[in-house]
Amino acid sequence: MQKAIFTGFLVLALSACSGGETDSTSTETPDPAATETVPTADGTEDVLVAGTDYNATTILNCGFDNAPPTQSCDAGVKRNWGDDGTTLVEVKKPDGFTRAIFFKGTEPYGADSAQADGSAGWDFKTTREGDQVTINFGPETYVIVDAFVEGG
């Protein structure tokens, strides 16, 4: 009897844990209580992801040490971040550090760099394929879709 009760409890506990993962392509409407509306530079409004200062978060393809972008990195976007309406995408790298990538519209134009990690001398190159841009910053590669940058 105890074994049957324990098994039933285990099944309930496991079923409660399933479905917790989210997909960056989800079309679910965010819970209004979980977001905050903020004005943008162009007079429209955008939301913030609850508990963050990001307008949206996602998981994007990334690669390091000159490897193809087959890894997954968490990323957040701050739309209308600059006074001129520029956008900031912050990517959390596997080493725990964050790489900032700057956009004008959907075109990336630079990334943060430092003498300390050697990135100050790295080349910044981009290629576009449809609605996504691939950014090569030194040995790092990031693939970012336009909808993440612009919203929509």
N, C-alpha and C. Protein backbone atom coordinates (compact mmCIF):
# COMPACT_ATOMS: atom_id res chain seq x y z
N MET A 1 0.82 -1.19 0.00
CA MET A 1 0.00 0.00 0.00
C MET A 1 0.86 1.25 0.00
N GLN A 2 1.90 1.25 0.87
CA GLN A 2 2.78 2.42 0.92
C GLN A 2 3.48 2.62 -0.43
N LYS A 3 3.86 1.52 -1.05
CA LYS A 3 4.53 1.60 -2.34
C LYS A 3 3.61 2.22 -3.39
N ALA A 4 2.33 1.87 -3.40
CA ALA A 4 1.37 2.43 -4.34
C ALA A 4 1.15 3.91 -4.09
N ILE A 5 1.07 4.31 -2.83
CA ILE A 5 0.89 5.74 -2.50
C ILE A 5 2.12 6.51 -2.92
N PHE A 6 3.32 5.98 -2.63
CA PHE A 6 4.56 6.65 -3.00
C PHE A 6 4.66 6.79 -4.51
N THR A 7 4.33 5.74 -5.25
CA THR A 7 4.38 5.78 -6.71
C THR A 7 3.41 6.82 -7.25
N GLY A 8 2.21 6.87 -6.70
CA GLY A 8 1.22 7.87 -7.12
C GLY A 8 1.73 9.28 -6.85
N PHE A 9 2.34 9.48 -5.69
CA PHE A 9 2.89 10.79 -5.34
C PHE A 9 4.01 11.17 -6.30
N LEU A 10 4.87 10.21 -6.63
CA LEU A 10 5.98 10.46 -7.55
C LEU A 10 5.46 10.84 -8.93
N VAL A 11 4.44 10.18 -9.41
CA VAL A 11 3.86 10.49 -10.72
C VAL A 11 3.29 11.91 -10.71
N LEU A 12 2.58 12.27 -9.65
CA LEU A 12 2.03 13.63 -9.55
C LEU A 12 3.14 14.67 -9.51
N ALA A 13 4.18 14.40 -8.73
CA ALA A 13 5.29 15.36 -8.62
C ALA A 13 5.99 15.54 -9.96
N LEU A 14 6.22 14.45 -10.68
CA LEU A 14 6.89 14.55 -11.97
C LEU A 14 6.02 15.26 -13.00
N SER A 15 4.71 15.01 -12.97
CA SER A 15 3.84 15.67 -13.94
C SER A 15 3.76 17.16 -13.66
N ALA A 16 3.90 17.56 -12.41
CA ALA A 16 3.90 18.98 -12.08
C ALA A 16 5.15 19.67 -12.58
N CYS A 17 6.24 18.92 -12.72
CA CYS A 17 7.50 19.49 -13.18
C CYS A 17 7.57 19.62 -14.69
N SER A 18 6.77 18.86 -15.43
CA SER A 18 6.89 18.89 -16.88
C SER A 18 6.28 20.14 -17.45
N GLY A 19 6.71 20.51 -18.65
CA GLY A 19 6.15 21.66 -19.33
C GLY A 19 6.72 22.97 -18.86
N GLY A 20 7.74 22.96 -18.02
CA GLY A 20 8.29 24.18 -17.49
C GLY A 20 9.22 24.90 -18.43
N GLU A 21 9.68 24.24 -19.48
CA GLU A 21 10.60 24.89 -20.40
C GLU A 21 9.82 25.73 -21.38
N THR A 22 10.44 26.84 -21.78
CA THR A 22 9.79 27.72 -22.73
C THR A 22 10.57 27.74 -24.02
N ASP A 23 9.91 28.10 -25.07
CA ASP A 23 10.49 28.17 -26.39
C ASP A 23 10.52 29.63 -26.80
N SER A 24 11.65 30.08 -27.36
CA SER A 24 11.77 31.48 -27.73
C SER A 24 10.82 31.87 -28.85
N THR A 25 10.20 30.89 -29.49
CA THR A 25 9.27 31.19 -30.57
C THR A 25 7.82 31.11 -30.09
N SER A 26 7.62 31.05 -28.78
CA SER A 26 6.28 30.92 -28.23
C SER A 26 5.41 32.09 -28.65
N THR A 27 4.14 31.79 -28.94
CA THR A 27 3.20 32.84 -29.32
C THR A 27 2.24 33.16 -28.19
N GLU A 28 2.52 32.64 -26.98
CA GLU A 28 1.65 32.92 -25.86
C GLU A 28 1.71 34.40 -25.51
N THR A 29 0.58 34.95 -25.13
CA THR A 29 0.53 36.33 -24.68
C THR A 29 1.08 36.41 -23.28
N PRO A 30 2.01 37.35 -23.02
CA PRO A 30 2.56 37.43 -21.67
C PRO A 30 1.49 37.84 -20.67
N ASP A 31 1.62 37.36 -19.46
CA ASP A 31 0.72 37.72 -18.38
C ASP A 31 0.91 39.21 -18.10
N PRO A 32 -0.14 40.04 -18.25
CA PRO A 32 0.01 41.47 -18.03
C PRO A 32 0.55 41.81 -16.65
N ALA A 33 0.27 41.00 -15.66
CA ALA A 33 0.76 41.25 -14.32
C ALA A 33 2.25 40.99 -14.22
N ALA A 34 2.81 40.24 -15.19
CA ALA A 34 4.22 39.87 -15.14
C ALA A 34 5.08 40.83 -15.95
N THR A 35 4.49 41.84 -16.56
CA THR A 35 5.26 42.77 -17.37
C THR A 35 4.97 44.20 -16.94
N GLU A 36 5.86 45.08 -17.31
CA GLU A 36 5.70 46.50 -17.03
C GLU A 36 5.80 47.24 -18.36
N THR A 37 4.90 48.17 -18.61
CA THR A 37 4.94 48.95 -19.84
C THR A 37 5.81 50.17 -19.63
N VAL A 38 6.70 50.43 -20.59
CA VAL A 38 7.58 51.59 -20.51
C VAL A 38 7.50 52.38 -21.81
N PRO A 39 7.60 53.71 -21.74
CA PRO A 39 7.59 54.51 -22.96
C PRO A 39 8.91 54.34 -23.71
N THR A 40 8.86 54.47 -25.03
CA THR A 40 10.07 54.40 -25.84
C THR A 40 10.38 55.78 -26.40
N ALA A 41 11.55 55.91 -27.00
CA ALA A 41 11.99 57.19 -27.54
C ALA A 41 11.07 57.71 -28.63
N ASP A 42 10.41 56.82 -29.37
CA ASP A 42 9.55 57.27 -30.46
C ASP A 42 8.10 57.49 -30.03
N GLY A 43 7.84 57.47 -28.72
CA GLY A 43 6.51 57.76 -28.22
C GLY A 43 5.60 56.55 -28.09
N THR A 44 6.02 55.39 -28.58
CA THR A 44 5.23 54.18 -28.42
C THR A 44 5.56 53.55 -27.07
N GLU A 45 4.98 52.41 -26.79
CA GLU A 45 5.27 51.73 -25.53
C GLU A 45 5.79 50.33 -25.80
N ASP A 46 6.61 49.84 -24.92
CA ASP A 46 7.14 48.49 -24.98
C ASP A 46 7.04 47.93 -23.57
N VAL A 47 7.13 46.63 -23.44
CA VAL A 47 7.04 46.00 -22.12
C VAL A 47 8.42 45.58 -21.66
N LEU A 48 8.54 45.35 -20.37
CA LEU A 48 9.75 44.78 -19.80
C LEU A 48 9.41 43.38 -19.30
N VAL A 49 10.33 42.46 -19.49
CA VAL A 49 10.17 41.11 -18.96
C VAL A 49 10.24 41.22 -17.44
N ALA A 50 9.30 40.60 -16.75
CA ALA A 50 9.22 40.69 -15.29
C ALA A 50 10.56 40.37 -14.65
N GLY A 51 10.96 41.22 -13.72
CA GLY A 51 12.19 41.01 -12.97
C GLY A 51 13.46 41.37 -13.71
N THR A 52 13.34 41.98 -14.90
CA THR A 52 14.51 42.37 -15.67
C THR A 52 14.33 43.79 -16.19
N ASP A 53 15.38 44.31 -16.81
CA ASP A 53 15.25 45.58 -17.52
C ASP A 53 15.33 45.35 -19.03
N TYR A 54 14.95 44.14 -19.46
CA TYR A 54 14.93 43.78 -20.87
C TYR A 54 13.51 43.87 -21.44
N ASN A 55 13.42 44.27 -22.71
CA ASN A 55 12.13 44.27 -23.40
C ASN A 55 11.76 42.86 -23.85
N ALA A 56 12.74 42.00 -24.02
CA ALA A 56 12.51 40.60 -24.38
C ALA A 56 13.76 39.80 -24.05
N THR A 57 13.58 38.51 -23.86
CA THR A 57 14.70 37.60 -23.67
C THR A 57 14.52 36.42 -24.61
N THR A 58 15.63 35.75 -24.91
CA THR A 58 15.58 34.59 -25.79
C THR A 58 16.82 33.74 -25.57
N ILE A 59 16.88 32.66 -26.28
CA ILE A 59 18.08 31.83 -26.36
C ILE A 59 18.50 31.88 -27.82
N LEU A 60 19.74 32.29 -28.07
CA LEU A 60 20.20 32.39 -29.45
C LEU A 60 21.41 31.49 -29.69
N ASN A 61 21.69 31.23 -30.96
CA ASN A 61 22.83 30.40 -31.33
C ASN A 61 24.11 31.23 -31.19
N CYS A 62 25.13 30.58 -30.62
CA CYS A 62 26.41 31.26 -30.43
C CYS A 62 27.53 30.23 -30.56
N GLY A 63 28.72 30.73 -30.81
CA GLY A 63 29.89 29.87 -30.92
C GLY A 63 31.12 30.61 -30.41
N PHE A 64 32.09 29.87 -29.90
CA PHE A 64 33.29 30.48 -29.31
C PHE A 64 34.53 29.73 -29.77
N ASP A 65 35.69 30.39 -29.66
CA ASP A 65 36.96 29.81 -30.08
C ASP A 65 36.93 29.43 -31.56
N ASN A 66 36.31 30.30 -32.37
CA ASN A 66 36.19 30.12 -33.82
C ASN A 66 35.37 28.90 -34.22
N ALA A 67 34.56 28.38 -33.31
CA ALA A 67 33.67 27.26 -33.61
C ALA A 67 32.37 27.79 -34.21
N PRO A 68 31.66 26.98 -34.98
CA PRO A 68 30.37 27.42 -35.52
C PRO A 68 29.38 27.68 -34.38
N PRO A 69 28.34 28.47 -34.65
CA PRO A 69 27.38 28.82 -33.60
C PRO A 69 26.40 27.70 -33.29
N THR A 70 26.89 26.64 -32.67
CA THR A 70 26.07 25.48 -32.34
C THR A 70 25.70 25.44 -30.86
N GLN A 71 26.21 26.38 -30.08
CA GLN A 71 25.87 26.46 -28.66
C GLN A 71 24.64 27.36 -28.49
N SER A 72 24.07 27.33 -27.29
CA SER A 72 22.93 28.19 -26.97
C SER A 72 23.34 29.18 -25.88
N CYS A 73 22.99 30.45 -26.09
CA CYS A 73 23.29 31.49 -25.12
C CYS A 73 22.03 32.26 -24.77
N ASP A 74 21.84 32.58 -23.50
CA ASP A 74 20.74 33.43 -23.07
C ASP A 74 21.04 34.85 -23.51
N ALA A 75 20.00 35.58 -23.92
CA ALA A 75 20.19 36.96 -24.37
C ALA A 75 18.99 37.80 -23.97
N GLY A 76 19.25 39.09 -23.78
CA GLY A 76 18.20 40.06 -23.49
C GLY A 76 18.39 41.27 -24.38
N VAL A 77 17.28 41.96 -24.71
CA VAL A 77 17.35 43.13 -25.57
C VAL A 77 16.76 44.34 -24.84
N LYS A 78 17.45 45.47 -24.99
CA LYS A 78 16.97 46.76 -24.48
C LYS A 78 16.74 47.65 -25.70
N ARG A 79 15.49 47.75 -26.11
CA ARG A 79 15.15 48.54 -27.29
C ARG A 79 15.15 50.02 -26.94
N ASN A 80 15.50 50.85 -27.91
CA ASN A 80 15.61 52.29 -27.69
C ASN A 80 16.48 52.58 -26.47
N TRP A 81 17.57 51.87 -26.39
CA TRP A 81 18.50 51.96 -25.27
C TRP A 81 19.28 53.27 -25.31
N GLY A 82 19.74 53.65 -26.49
CA GLY A 82 20.51 54.88 -26.61
C GLY A 82 19.62 56.08 -26.88
N ASP A 83 20.18 57.27 -26.66
CA ASP A 83 19.43 58.50 -26.92
C ASP A 83 19.00 58.60 -28.36
N ASP A 84 19.74 57.97 -29.26
CA ASP A 84 19.42 58.03 -30.69
C ASP A 84 18.56 56.85 -31.15
N GLY A 85 17.98 56.11 -30.20
CA GLY A 85 17.10 55.00 -30.55
C GLY A 85 17.83 53.70 -30.82
N THR A 86 19.13 53.65 -30.53
CA THR A 86 19.87 52.41 -30.75
C THR A 86 19.40 51.33 -29.78
N THR A 87 19.72 50.10 -30.12
CA THR A 87 19.30 48.94 -29.35
C THR A 87 20.52 48.21 -28.81
N LEU A 88 20.39 47.67 -27.62
CA LEU A 88 21.46 46.90 -26.98
C LEU A 88 20.99 45.47 -26.81
N VAL A 89 21.79 44.52 -27.28
CA VAL A 89 21.55 43.10 -27.03
C VAL A 89 22.69 42.62 -26.14
N GLU A 90 22.34 42.03 -25.01
CA GLU A 90 23.34 41.47 -24.10
C GLU A 90 23.23 39.95 -24.15
N VAL A 91 24.37 39.30 -24.37
CA VAL A 91 24.42 37.85 -24.49
C VAL A 91 25.27 37.31 -23.34
N LYS A 92 24.69 36.36 -22.60
CA LYS A 92 25.45 35.73 -21.53
C LYS A 92 26.25 34.57 -22.13
N LYS A 93 27.56 34.68 -22.03
CA LYS A 93 28.44 33.66 -22.60
C LYS A 93 28.60 32.50 -21.62
N PRO A 94 29.02 31.34 -22.11
CA PRO A 94 29.17 30.17 -21.24
C PRO A 94 30.15 30.38 -20.08
N ASP A 95 31.10 31.31 -20.25
CA ASP A 95 32.05 31.58 -19.17
C ASP A 95 31.47 32.48 -18.09
N GLY A 96 30.18 32.88 -18.25
CA GLY A 96 29.52 33.71 -17.25
C GLY A 96 29.60 35.20 -17.54
N PHE A 97 30.49 35.60 -18.46
CA PHE A 97 30.60 37.01 -18.82
C PHE A 97 29.52 37.36 -19.84
N THR A 98 29.29 38.66 -19.99
CA THR A 98 28.26 39.14 -20.91
C THR A 98 28.92 39.93 -22.04
N ARG A 99 28.44 39.70 -23.26
CA ARG A 99 28.90 40.47 -24.43
C ARG A 99 27.76 41.38 -24.85
N ALA A 100 28.03 42.67 -24.96
CA ALA A 100 27.04 43.64 -25.42
C ALA A 100 27.24 43.86 -26.92
N ILE A 101 26.13 43.84 -27.67
CA ILE A 101 26.17 44.09 -29.11
C ILE A 101 25.21 45.23 -29.39
N PHE A 102 25.67 46.22 -30.17
CA PHE A 102 24.92 47.44 -30.41
C PHE A 102 24.32 47.44 -31.82
N PHE A 103 23.05 47.89 -31.91
CA PHE A 103 22.31 47.89 -33.18
C PHE A 103 21.76 49.27 -33.48
N LYS A 104 21.75 49.63 -34.76
CA LYS A 104 20.97 50.74 -35.30
C LYS A 104 19.95 50.08 -36.20
N GLY A 105 18.68 50.15 -35.82
CA GLY A 105 17.68 49.37 -36.54
C GLY A 105 17.99 47.91 -36.34
N THR A 106 18.07 47.16 -37.44
CA THR A 106 18.41 45.74 -37.34
C THR A 106 19.86 45.46 -37.72
N GLU A 107 20.65 46.52 -37.89
CA GLU A 107 22.04 46.34 -38.28
C GLU A 107 22.99 46.52 -37.09
N PRO A 108 23.72 45.47 -36.74
CA PRO A 108 24.69 45.59 -35.66
C PRO A 108 25.88 46.43 -36.13
N TYR A 109 26.40 47.27 -35.23
CA TYR A 109 27.54 48.12 -35.62
C TYR A 109 28.72 48.01 -34.68
N GLY A 110 28.61 47.26 -33.60
CA GLY A 110 29.75 47.12 -32.70
C GLY A 110 29.42 46.27 -31.50
N ALA A 111 30.47 46.01 -30.70
CA ALA A 111 30.32 45.23 -29.47
C ALA A 111 31.25 45.83 -28.43
N ASP A 112 30.93 45.57 -27.16
CA ASP A 112 31.82 46.05 -26.11
C ASP A 112 33.13 45.26 -26.16
N SER A 113 34.19 45.91 -25.78
CA SER A 113 35.49 45.25 -25.80
C SER A 113 36.36 45.82 -24.68
N ALA A 114 37.43 45.10 -24.38
CA ALA A 114 38.33 45.52 -23.31
C ALA A 114 39.75 45.05 -23.60
N GLN A 115 40.71 45.84 -23.19
CA GLN A 115 42.11 45.44 -23.31
C GLN A 115 42.38 44.20 -22.45
N ALA A 116 41.73 44.13 -21.29
CA ALA A 116 42.00 43.06 -20.33
C ALA A 116 41.77 41.67 -20.90
N ASP A 117 40.73 41.49 -21.72
CA ASP A 117 40.47 40.16 -22.27
C ASP A 117 40.95 40.02 -23.71
N GLY A 118 41.58 41.05 -24.24
CA GLY A 118 42.11 40.99 -25.61
C GLY A 118 41.12 41.35 -26.68
N SER A 119 39.86 41.58 -26.32
CA SER A 119 38.84 41.83 -27.34
C SER A 119 38.92 43.21 -27.97
N ALA A 120 39.70 44.10 -27.40
CA ALA A 120 39.81 45.46 -27.95
C ALA A 120 40.36 45.46 -29.38
N GLY A 121 41.14 44.48 -29.72
CA GLY A 121 41.71 44.41 -31.06
C GLY A 121 40.96 43.51 -32.03
N TRP A 122 39.84 42.97 -31.62
CA TRP A 122 39.11 42.03 -32.46
C TRP A 122 38.36 42.73 -33.58
N ASP A 123 38.24 42.04 -34.72
CA ASP A 123 37.44 42.53 -35.84
C ASP A 123 35.97 42.27 -35.57
N PHE A 124 35.12 43.17 -36.08
CA PHE A 124 33.67 43.03 -35.97
C PHE A 124 33.13 42.93 -37.38
N LYS A 125 32.56 41.76 -37.72
CA LYS A 125 32.04 41.52 -39.07
C LYS A 125 30.63 40.96 -38.97
N THR A 126 29.80 41.30 -39.96
CA THR A 126 28.44 40.77 -39.98
C THR A 126 28.09 40.25 -41.37
N THR A 127 27.21 39.26 -41.39
CA THR A 127 26.62 38.79 -42.65
C THR A 127 25.14 38.62 -42.40
N ARG A 128 24.36 38.89 -43.41
CA ARG A 128 22.90 38.82 -43.28
C ARG A 128 22.36 37.73 -44.20
N GLU A 129 21.40 36.97 -43.67
CA GLU A 129 20.67 35.99 -44.46
C GLU A 129 19.20 36.12 -44.07
N GLY A 130 18.43 36.75 -44.94
CA GLY A 130 17.00 36.96 -44.66
C GLY A 130 16.80 37.84 -43.45
N ASP A 131 16.07 37.32 -42.47
CA ASP A 131 15.74 38.11 -41.29
C ASP A 131 16.66 37.84 -40.11
N GLN A 132 17.85 37.33 -40.37
CA GLN A 132 18.80 37.12 -39.28
C GLN A 132 20.19 37.59 -39.69
N VAL A 133 20.94 38.02 -38.69
CA VAL A 133 22.29 38.50 -38.92
C VAL A 133 23.24 37.64 -38.09
N THR A 134 24.36 37.29 -38.70
CA THR A 134 25.41 36.55 -38.00
C THR A 134 26.53 37.53 -37.72
N ILE A 135 26.93 37.61 -36.47
CA ILE A 135 27.97 38.54 -36.03
C ILE A 135 29.19 37.73 -35.66
N ASN A 136 30.32 38.08 -36.26
CA ASN A 136 31.60 37.49 -35.89
C ASN A 136 32.41 38.58 -35.21
N PHE A 137 32.65 38.41 -33.93
CA PHE A 137 33.45 39.35 -33.17
C PHE A 137 34.66 38.58 -32.65
N GLY A 138 35.79 38.74 -33.35
CA GLY A 138 36.97 37.93 -33.03
C GLY A 138 36.61 36.47 -33.15
N PRO A 139 36.88 35.66 -32.11
CA PRO A 139 36.58 34.22 -32.15
C PRO A 139 35.14 33.87 -31.75
N GLU A 140 34.31 34.90 -31.51
CA GLU A 140 32.93 34.67 -31.08
C GLU A 140 31.96 34.86 -32.24
N THR A 141 30.89 34.06 -32.26
CA THR A 141 29.86 34.16 -33.29
C THR A 141 28.49 34.16 -32.63
N TYR A 142 27.63 35.08 -33.09
CA TYR A 142 26.26 35.19 -32.57
C TYR A 142 25.30 35.29 -33.74
N VAL A 143 24.17 34.60 -33.65
CA VAL A 143 23.13 34.66 -34.69
C VAL A 143 21.89 35.27 -34.03
N ILE A 144 21.46 36.43 -34.57
CA ILE A 144 20.37 37.18 -33.96
C ILE A 144 19.31 37.49 -35.01
N VAL A 145 18.06 37.19 -34.70
CA VAL A 145 16.96 37.46 -35.63
C VAL A 145 16.43 38.86 -35.44
N ASP A 146 15.96 39.46 -36.54
CA ASP A 146 15.46 40.84 -36.52
C ASP A 146 14.30 41.03 -35.55
N ALA A 147 13.39 40.05 -35.46
CA ALA A 147 12.22 40.19 -34.59
C ALA A 147 12.62 40.37 -33.13
N PHE A 148 13.73 39.79 -32.73
CA PHE A 148 14.21 39.96 -31.35
C PHE A 148 14.66 41.39 -31.13
N VAL A 149 15.36 41.95 -32.11
CA VAL A 149 15.88 43.30 -32.00
C VAL A 149 14.75 44.33 -32.06
N GLU A 150 13.84 44.16 -33.01
CA GLU A 150 12.78 45.14 -33.26
C GLU A 150 11.50 44.91 -32.44
N GLY A 151 11.30 43.68 -32.04
CA GLY A 151 10.03 43.32 -31.41
C GLY A 151 9.06 42.88 -32.49
N GLY A 152 8.10 42.11 -32.10
CA GLY A 152 7.13 41.69 -33.09
C GLY A 152 6.98 40.22 -33.26
